[in-house]
Amino acid sequence: MTRLADVCCYIRSKNAGPFWITVDLFFKDRELFEKWVDSPSLQAAELAQRLGIDTADLRRQALPELATLKFAYPRKQPQGGACERDMHGGQQYIWLLGMELA
């Protein structure tokens, strides 16, 4: 069993404006990036399903020169709303840490 946290040296989430969250997966090295970037677990459809959003709303971008995978998705509510629980989007990556890669 390989977890995302085992192949990435850094995983972060942050705001991408008041309506979007972006997540960056920094792989430990280029070899791990190339091995796992095309994993079914890291494809737009799977990530969107885990987030409970439409696949068309997820933006995924692989950056091989940085050994990084980025994806962004719309917030359920705009930043700073009455029900805001993570103003800066910095807590949104937590669900990824234990994710198993296929």
Foldseek 3Di string as FASTA:
>chain_A
DDALLNFFPDWWWWDPAQWKIKIKGQGPDLVSLVVAVPFPCNDLVNVCVVVVHDSVQKDWDQDSVRSMIMIMGTDPDTAPDPPDDDNTGGVVCVVRGGHDTD
